[in-house]
Amino acid sequence: MKKFKGLVLILAVALGLSVYAQNSQTLLVNTKSPAITKTAVSYTVVNPLDVVARPNFYMNKNIKIKAKFDKFSTLGLDYKPAMRSSEKYISFLIQRPDVTDHNIPLSELKIFLNRDEAEKHIDLNSGDVVEFTGKVFSNALGDAWMDVDKFTVISTKPKNDTDNK
């Protein structure tokens, strides 16, 4: 009878370890796919004149620019060496920061914005202050070509009645 009790005890212990191991395995196995974590992108605040002067330096770099908006444009769209389709994008111009007595666009900086985002800001006027972030993706024609990933209106100029006449 002692042998029988010993054998039952060994079986009970073995069975208990087996159940524990099975439960431990199911706890250790992750059936969910790992969560994709988005790494924070850092942007360097730059002067747009510096980007225009050194497009090679800013290639593939994330930059942030605060400037006066000039106008939406089609400048640079559908140009094959730095292709951005006019169906998906619109370009826009900012004013030269080194000229303050009148408005001159900084056309050497080709800036592309997704059309869906641009439509949200269709009422912008020349002189409104904007801030945008993005990456310089090309230096075709010796100019900087930039994709915008975030576009923010900082301030708008009051509208004059003479602007509508």
C-alpha atoms as a PDB file:
ATOM      1  CA  MET A   1       0.000   0.000   0.000  1.00  0.00           C
ATOM      2  CA  LYS A   2       2.929   2.332   0.690  1.00  0.00           C
ATOM      3  CA  LYS A   3       4.194   1.706  -2.827  1.00  0.00           C
ATOM      4  CA  PHE A   4       0.750   2.465  -4.215  1.00  0.00           C
ATOM      5  CA  LYS A   5       0.486   5.743  -2.263  1.00  0.00           C
ATOM      6  CA  GLY A   6       4.003   6.678  -3.395  1.00  0.00           C
ATOM      7  CA  LEU A   7       3.105   5.949  -7.000  1.00  0.00           C
ATOM      8  CA  VAL A   8      -0.108   8.043  -6.748  1.00  0.00           C
ATOM      9  CA  LEU A   9       1.876  10.849  -5.155  1.00  0.00           C
ATOM     10  CA  ILE A  10       4.458  10.754  -7.961  1.00  0.00           C
ATOM     11  CA  LEU A  11       1.686  10.715 -10.580  1.00  0.00           C
ATOM     12  CA  ALA A  12      -0.112  13.611  -8.886  1.00  0.00           C
ATOM     13  CA  VAL A  13       3.095  15.643  -8.751  1.00  0.00           C
ATOM     14  CA  ALA A  14       3.896  14.805 -12.381  1.00  0.00           C
ATOM     15  CA  LEU A  15       0.370  15.648 -13.470  1.00  0.00           C
ATOM     16  CA  GLY A  16       0.476  18.897 -11.481  1.00  0.00           C
ATOM     17  CA  LEU A  17       3.788  19.875 -13.087  1.00  0.00           C
ATOM     18  CA  SER A  18       2.391  19.047 -16.502  1.00  0.00           C
ATOM     19  CA  VAL A  19      -0.698  21.230 -15.936  1.00  0.00           C
ATOM     20  CA  TYR A  20       1.497  24.036 -14.574  1.00  0.00           C
ATOM     21  CA  ALA A  21       3.846  23.808 -17.573  1.00  0.00           C
ATOM     22  CA  GLN A  22       0.936  23.892 -20.020  1.00  0.00           C
ATOM     23  CA  ASN A  23      -0.529  26.948 -18.303  1.00  0.00           C
ATOM     24  CA  SER A  24       2.877  28.621 -18.226  1.00  0.00           C
ATOM     25  CA  GLN A  25       3.362  28.002 -21.943  1.00  0.00           C
ATOM     26  CA  THR A  26       0.044  29.553 -22.831  1.00  0.00           C
ATOM     27  CA  LEU A  27       0.905  32.542 -20.702  1.00  0.00           C
ATOM     28  CA  LEU A  28       4.272  32.968 -22.385  1.00  0.00           C
ATOM     29  CA  VAL A  29       2.975  32.698 -25.941  1.00  0.00           C
ATOM     30  CA  ASN A  30       1.879  36.023 -27.430  1.00  0.00           C
ATOM     31  CA  THR A  31      -0.803  35.439 -30.032  1.00  0.00           C
ATOM     32  CA  LYS A  32      -1.164  39.117 -30.909  1.00  0.00           C
ATOM     33  CA  SER A  33       1.046  40.747 -33.505  1.00  0.00           C
ATOM     34  CA  PRO A  34       3.534  43.197 -32.045  1.00  0.00           C
ATOM     35  CA  ALA A  35       2.345  46.788 -31.976  1.00  0.00           C
ATOM     36  CA  ILE A  36       4.023  49.029 -34.490  1.00  0.00           C
ATOM     37  CA  THR A  37       5.557  51.936 -32.671  1.00  0.00           C
ATOM     38  CA  LYS A  38       5.947  55.206 -34.454  1.00  0.00           C
ATOM     39  CA  THR A  39       9.243  56.872 -33.794  1.00  0.00           C
ATOM     40  CA  ALA A  40       9.142  60.602 -33.316  1.00  0.00           C
ATOM     41  CA  VAL A  41      10.691  62.480 -36.204  1.00  0.00           C
ATOM     42  CA  SER A  42      12.756  65.494 -35.235  1.00  0.00           C
ATOM     43  CA  TYR A  43      12.798  68.578 -37.435  1.00  0.00           C
ATOM     44  CA  THR A  44      15.459  71.229 -37.725  1.00  0.00           C
ATOM     45  CA  VAL A  45      14.169  74.804 -37.833  1.00  0.00           C
ATOM     46  CA  VAL A  46      15.749  76.426 -40.878  1.00  0.00           C
ATOM     47  CA  ASN A  47      15.808  79.684 -42.776  1.00  0.00           C
ATOM     48  CA  PRO A  48      14.328  79.078 -46.251  1.00  0.00           C
ATOM     49  CA  LEU A  49      17.104  81.171 -47.826  1.00  0.00           C
ATOM     50  CA  ASP A  50      19.667  78.742 -46.409  1.00  0.00           C
ATOM     51  CA  VAL A  51      17.766  75.788 -47.900  1.00  0.00           C
ATOM     52  CA  VAL A  52      17.767  77.519 -51.290  1.00  0.00           C
ATOM     53  CA  ALA A  53      21.477  78.345 -51.004  1.00  0.00           C
ATOM     54  CA  ARG A  54      22.470  74.782 -49.992  1.00  0.00           C
ATOM     55  CA  PRO A  55      19.943  72.256 -51.360  1.00  0.00           C
ATOM     56  CA  ASN A  56      22.523  69.423 -51.332  1.00  0.00           C
ATOM     57  CA  PHE A  57      23.120  69.925 -47.604  1.00  0.00           C
ATOM     58  CA  TYR A  58      19.405  69.580 -46.836  1.00  0.00           C
ATOM     59  CA  MET A  59      18.781  66.515 -49.036  1.00  0.00           C
ATOM     60  CA  ASN A  60      16.756  63.855 -47.141  1.00  0.00           C
ATOM     61  CA  LYS A  61      16.658  66.007 -44.003  1.00  0.00           C
ATOM     62  CA  ASN A  62      13.541  66.817 -42.010  1.00  0.00           C
ATOM     63  CA  ILE A  63      13.123  70.557 -41.739  1.00  0.00           C
ATOM     64  CA  LYS A  64      10.666  73.086 -40.307  1.00  0.00           C
ATOM     65  CA  ILE A  65      10.030  76.484 -41.854  1.00  0.00           C
ATOM     66  CA  LYS A  66       7.972  79.433 -40.605  1.00  0.00           C
ATOM     67  CA  ALA A  67       7.253  81.924 -43.382  1.00  0.00           C
ATOM     68  CA  LYS A  68       4.750  84.235 -45.017  1.00  0.00           C
ATOM     69  CA  PHE A  69       2.517  82.411 -47.453  1.00  0.00           C
ATOM     70  CA  ASP A  70       2.473  83.865 -50.974  1.00  0.00           C
ATOM     71  CA  LYS A  71       0.150  81.723 -53.105  1.00  0.00           C
ATOM     72  CA  PHE A  72      -0.768  78.248 -54.269  1.00  0.00           C
ATOM     73  CA  SER A  73       0.841  77.370 -57.576  1.00  0.00           C
ATOM     74  CA  THR A  74       1.514  74.609 -60.091  1.00  0.00           C
ATOM     75  CA  LEU A  75       5.244  75.353 -60.098  1.00  0.00           C
ATOM     76  CA  GLY A  76       7.317  72.182 -60.397  1.00  0.00           C
ATOM     77  CA  LEU A  77       4.409  69.775 -60.728  1.00  0.00           C
ATOM     78  CA  ASP A  78       4.739  66.868 -63.174  1.00  0.00           C
ATOM     79  CA  TYR A  79       8.474  67.530 -63.703  1.00  0.00           C
ATOM     80  CA  LYS A  80       9.881  64.029 -64.228  1.00  0.00           C
ATOM     81  CA  PRO A  81      13.252  64.274 -62.418  1.00  0.00           C
ATOM     82  CA  ALA A  82      11.429  65.263 -59.192  1.00  0.00           C
ATOM     83  CA  MET A  83       7.984  63.892 -59.960  1.00  0.00           C
ATOM     84  CA  ARG A  84       5.004  65.070 -57.949  1.00  0.00           C
ATOM     85  CA  SER A  85       1.724  64.529 -59.762  1.00  0.00           C
ATOM     86  CA  SER A  86      -0.600  67.482 -60.257  1.00  0.00           C
ATOM     87  CA  GLU A  87      -3.478  65.097 -59.529  1.00  0.00           C
ATOM     88  CA  LYS A  88      -2.318  64.458 -55.948  1.00  0.00           C
ATOM     89  CA  TYR A  89      -0.293  67.552 -55.060  1.00  0.00           C
ATOM     90  CA  ILE A  90      -0.331  71.316 -55.306  1.00  0.00           C
ATOM     91  CA  SER A  91       2.718  73.460 -54.769  1.00  0.00           C
ATOM     92  CA  PHE A  92       2.812  76.720 -52.907  1.00  0.00           C
ATOM     93  CA  LEU A  93       5.164  79.643 -52.690  1.00  0.00           C
ATOM     94  CA  ILE A  94       6.345  81.546 -49.663  1.00  0.00           C
ATOM     95  CA  GLN A  95       7.592  85.112 -49.642  1.00  0.00           C
ATOM     96  CA  ARG A  96      11.290  85.876 -49.577  1.00  0.00           C
ATOM     97  CA  PRO A  97      12.166  86.729 -45.961  1.00  0.00           C
ATOM     98  CA  ASP A  98      14.943  89.105 -47.039  1.00  0.00           C
ATOM     99  CA  VAL A  99      12.553  91.502 -48.831  1.00  0.00           C
ATOM    100  CA  THR A 100      10.152  93.398 -46.599  1.00  0.00           C
ATOM    101  CA  ASP A 101       8.989  96.415 -48.604  1.00  0.00           C
ATOM    102  CA  HIS A 102       7.103  94.340 -51.217  1.00  0.00           C
ATOM    103  CA  ASN A 103       6.142  90.717 -51.942  1.00  0.00           C
ATOM    104  CA  ILE A 104       8.546  88.537 -53.882  1.00  0.00           C
ATOM    105  CA  PRO A 105       7.955  84.775 -53.942  1.00  0.00           C
ATOM    106  CA  LEU A 106      10.832  82.403 -53.162  1.00  0.00           C
ATOM    107  CA  SER A 107      10.371  80.354 -56.335  1.00  0.00           C
ATOM    108  CA  GLU A 108      13.690  78.519 -55.924  1.00  0.00           C
ATOM    109  CA  LEU A 109      12.109  76.442 -53.143  1.00  0.00           C
ATOM    110  CA  LYS A 110       9.635  73.956 -54.609  1.00  0.00           C
ATOM    111  CA  ILE A 111       7.171  73.022 -51.841  1.00  0.00           C
ATOM    112  CA  PHE A 112       4.550  70.297 -52.366  1.00  0.00           C
ATOM    113  CA  LEU A 113       1.417  69.798 -50.319  1.00  0.00           C
ATOM    114  CA  ASN A 114      -1.162  67.040 -50.628  1.00  0.00           C
ATOM    115  CA  ARG A 115      -4.243  68.450 -52.395  1.00  0.00           C
ATOM    116  CA  ASP A 116      -6.589  67.228 -49.643  1.00  0.00           C
ATOM    117  CA  GLU A 117      -4.661  69.250 -47.064  1.00  0.00           C
ATOM    118  CA  ALA A 118      -4.387  72.285 -49.372  1.00  0.00           C
ATOM    119  CA  GLU A 119      -8.159  72.388 -49.830  1.00  0.00           C
ATOM    120  CA  LYS A 120      -8.533  72.960 -46.077  1.00  0.00           C
ATOM    121  CA  HIS A 121      -6.523  76.176 -46.468  1.00  0.00           C
ATOM    122  CA  ILE A 122      -7.913  77.503 -49.737  1.00  0.00           C
ATOM    123  CA  ASP A 123      -8.789  80.841 -48.106  1.00  0.00           C
ATOM    124  CA  LEU A 124      -5.167  81.752 -47.306  1.00  0.00           C
ATOM    125  CA  ASN A 125      -4.006  85.154 -48.472  1.00  0.00           C
ATOM    126  CA  SER A 126      -0.605  86.475 -49.377  1.00  0.00           C
ATOM    127  CA  GLY A 127       1.160  87.509 -46.170  1.00  0.00           C
ATOM    128  CA  ASP A 128      -0.529  84.988 -43.855  1.00  0.00           C
ATOM    129  CA  VAL A 129       2.055  83.310 -41.623  1.00  0.00           C
ATOM    130  CA  VAL A 130       2.367  79.537 -41.965  1.00  0.00           C
ATOM    131  CA  GLU A 131       4.608  76.881 -40.511  1.00  0.00           C
ATOM    132  CA  PHE A 132       5.294  73.596 -42.240  1.00  0.00           C
ATOM    133  CA  THR A 133       7.473  70.552 -41.773  1.00  0.00           C
ATOM    134  CA  GLY A 134       8.717  68.072 -44.279  1.00  0.00           C
ATOM    135  CA  LYS A 135      11.656  66.539 -46.077  1.00  0.00           C
ATOM    136  CA  VAL A 136      13.791  67.782 -48.950  1.00  0.00           C
ATOM    137  CA  PHE A 137      13.530  64.941 -51.475  1.00  0.00           C
ATOM    138  CA  SER A 138      15.341  66.341 -54.516  1.00  0.00           C
ATOM    139  CA  ASN A 139      17.793  68.948 -55.714  1.00  0.00           C
ATOM    140  CA  ALA A 140      16.757  68.863 -59.380  1.00  0.00           C
ATOM    141  CA  LEU A 141      17.720  71.987 -61.351  1.00  0.00           C
ATOM    142  CA  GLY A 142      19.888  73.015 -58.381  1.00  0.00           C
ATOM    143  CA  ASP A 143      16.750  73.878 -56.360  1.00  0.00           C
ATOM    144  CA  ALA A 144      15.412  72.338 -53.163  1.00  0.00           C
ATOM    145  CA  TRP A 145      12.238  70.249 -53.648  1.00  0.00           C
ATOM    146  CA  MET A 146      10.307  69.587 -50.448  1.00  0.00           C
ATOM    147  CA  ASP A 147       7.373  67.359 -49.459  1.00  0.00           C
ATOM    148  CA  VAL A 148       5.252  68.826 -46.649  1.00  0.00           C
ATOM    149  CA  ASP A 149       3.942  66.431 -44.020  1.00  0.00           C
ATOM    150  CA  LYS A 150       2.424  68.992 -41.639  1.00  0.00           C
ATOM    151  CA  PHE A 151       1.018  72.409 -42.524  1.00  0.00           C
ATOM    152  CA  THR A 152      -0.170  74.894 -39.888  1.00  0.00           C
ATOM    153  CA  VAL A 153      -1.565  78.409 -40.244  1.00  0.00           C
ATOM    154  CA  ILE A 154      -0.005  80.575 -37.511  1.00  0.00           C
ATOM    155  CA  SER A 155      -1.771  83.868 -38.242  1.00  0.00           C
ATOM    156  CA  THR A 156      -3.838  85.515 -40.928  1.00  0.00           C
ATOM    157  CA  LYS A 157      -3.819  89.090 -42.079  1.00  0.00           C
ATOM    158  CA  PRO A 158      -7.026  91.075 -41.692  1.00  0.00           C
ATOM    159  CA  LYS A 159      -8.797  91.365 -45.032  1.00  0.00           C
ATOM    160  CA  ASN A 160      -8.995  94.809 -46.626  1.00  0.00           C
ATOM    161  CA  ASP A 161     -12.003  95.904 -48.637  1.00  0.00           C
ATOM    162  CA  THR A 162      -9.557  97.221 -51.241  1.00  0.00           C
ATOM    163  CA  ASP A 163      -8.305  93.642 -51.821  1.00  0.00           C
ATOM    164  CA  ASN A 164     -11.675  92.732 -53.352  1.00  0.00           C
ATOM    165  CA  LYS A 165     -11.867  95.708 -55.725  1.00  0.00           C
END
